[in-house]
Amino acid sequence: MRVYKILPRVEWAAARAAGRFAGSAVDHQDGYIHFSTAAQAQETARRHFAGQADLVVLEVEADDLGDDLRWEPSRGGDLFPHLYGPLDAARVRAVHEAPLDAAGAPRIRVPT
């Protein structure tokens, strides 16, 4: 199963240069890196990234994250993947564009 991380392109560029992503501001605040499943990603984008341009979506194989990935209840009781630790940039399988639609919401196109 693949999981997805939405973030500004500039944060991904810095993470690639460093070889790891330690999290966005909200991740640091919450103590883990927020991920979504393919089915959850569009709603996550709408709720938390509306109006933000130049976003990318990282695609990661959940099994590659080992025991640091935990499935925990969040929005509406759904289980969301949370990574307790940094994301090794080499674990990212693909990077997808997330352009804004006419309403200003990022369009997330990931395999379902």
Protein backbone atom coordinates (compact mmCIF):
# COMPACT_ATOMS: atom_id res chain seq x y z
CA MET A 1 0.00 0.00 0.00
CA ARG A 2 1.21 3.49 -0.83
CA VAL A 3 0.86 6.52 1.45
CA TYR A 4 1.12 10.18 0.46
CA LYS A 5 2.61 13.34 1.95
CA ILE A 6 1.50 16.74 0.67
CA LEU A 7 4.02 19.53 1.09
CA PRO A 8 5.39 22.69 -0.53
CA ARG A 9 7.87 22.02 -3.32
CA VAL A 10 10.51 24.10 -1.52
CA GLU A 11 10.33 21.78 1.52
CA TRP A 12 10.77 18.75 -0.70
CA ALA A 13 13.77 20.36 -2.44
CA ALA A 14 15.40 20.99 0.94
CA ALA A 15 14.64 17.44 2.07
CA ARG A 16 16.14 15.95 -1.09
CA ALA A 17 19.28 18.02 -0.59
CA ALA A 18 19.51 16.86 3.05
CA GLY A 19 18.63 13.26 2.20
CA ARG A 20 15.68 13.24 4.60
CA PHE A 21 12.45 15.03 5.44
CA ALA A 22 12.03 15.79 9.13
CA GLY A 23 8.53 17.23 8.74
CA SER A 24 6.63 20.45 8.12
CA ALA A 25 5.68 22.87 10.89
CA VAL A 26 2.44 21.01 11.66
CA ASP A 27 4.31 17.71 11.77
CA HIS A 28 6.74 19.10 14.35
CA GLN A 29 3.82 20.47 16.35
CA ASP A 30 2.04 17.10 16.39
CA GLY A 31 5.14 14.94 16.88
CA TYR A 32 4.87 12.89 13.68
CA ILE A 33 4.81 13.29 9.90
CA HIS A 34 1.26 13.30 8.55
CA PHE A 35 0.52 11.01 5.62
CA SER A 36 -2.73 10.11 3.86
CA THR A 37 -3.92 7.13 1.88
CA ALA A 38 -4.87 7.62 -1.76
CA ALA A 39 -8.52 7.78 -0.72
CA GLN A 40 -7.80 10.44 1.95
CA ALA A 41 -5.36 12.67 0.05
CA GLN A 42 -7.82 14.89 -1.83
CA GLU A 43 -9.77 15.76 1.33
CA THR A 44 -6.52 16.41 3.20
CA ALA A 45 -5.47 18.78 0.42
CA ARG A 46 -8.82 20.57 0.47
CA ARG A 47 -8.86 21.01 4.25
CA HIS A 48 -5.24 21.85 4.93
CA PHE A 49 -3.70 23.20 1.72
CA ALA A 50 -6.43 25.28 0.03
CA GLY A 51 -4.98 28.27 -1.79
CA GLN A 52 -1.39 27.06 -1.45
CA ALA A 53 0.35 26.88 -4.80
CA ASP A 54 3.46 24.94 -5.79
CA LEU A 55 2.70 21.79 -3.80
CA VAL A 56 3.92 18.28 -4.46
CA VAL A 57 2.71 14.91 -3.24
CA LEU A 58 5.28 12.33 -2.17
CA GLU A 59 4.38 8.69 -2.80
CA VAL A 60 5.89 6.18 -0.38
CA GLU A 61 5.43 2.44 0.08
CA ALA A 62 4.02 2.02 3.59
CA ASP A 63 5.94 -1.21 4.20
CA ASP A 64 9.22 0.64 3.53
CA LEU A 65 8.63 2.76 6.65
CA GLY A 66 8.64 -0.16 9.08
CA ASP A 67 7.48 0.18 12.65
CA ASP A 68 7.85 3.97 12.59
CA LEU A 69 4.59 4.14 10.58
CA ARG A 70 1.52 3.88 12.77
CA TRP A 71 -2.15 3.89 11.78
CA GLU A 72 -4.06 6.13 14.15
CA PRO A 73 -7.61 7.51 14.26
CA SER A 74 -8.04 11.05 13.05
CA ARG A 75 -10.64 12.88 10.96
CA GLY A 76 -14.00 11.18 11.48
CA GLY A 77 -12.36 8.22 13.19
CA ASP A 78 -10.61 7.11 9.99
CA LEU A 79 -7.18 5.59 10.43
CA PHE A 80 -4.41 7.79 9.06
CA PRO A 81 -0.75 6.87 8.58
CA HIS A 82 1.60 8.80 10.86
CA LEU A 83 5.38 8.49 10.63
CA TYR A 84 7.24 8.78 13.93
CA GLY A 85 10.67 9.71 12.67
CA PRO A 86 12.21 11.32 9.60
CA LEU A 87 11.44 10.20 6.07
CA ASP A 88 14.52 9.02 4.19
CA ALA A 89 14.33 10.79 0.80
CA ALA A 90 15.40 7.56 -0.92
CA ARG A 91 12.12 5.95 0.23
CA VAL A 92 10.06 8.28 -1.97
CA ARG A 93 8.86 6.24 -4.96
CA ALA A 94 7.31 9.14 -6.92
CA VAL A 95 6.61 12.84 -6.68
CA HIS A 96 3.30 14.13 -8.09
CA GLU A 97 2.32 17.68 -8.97
CA ALA A 98 -0.64 19.22 -7.11
CA PRO A 99 -1.84 22.19 -9.18
CA LEU A 100 -4.66 24.36 -7.88
CA ASP A 101 -8.10 23.96 -9.44
CA ALA A 102 -10.41 26.89 -10.27
CA ALA A 103 -11.65 26.99 -6.65
CA GLY A 104 -8.10 27.18 -5.27
CA ALA A 105 -7.96 23.61 -3.98
CA PRO A 106 -4.96 21.44 -4.84
CA ARG A 107 -5.83 18.66 -7.29
CA ILE A 108 -4.36 15.43 -6.01
CA ARG A 109 -3.95 12.73 -8.64
CA VAL A 110 -2.55 9.57 -7.17
CA PRO A 111 -3.22 5.93 -8.01
CA THR A 112 -6.17 4.49 -6.08
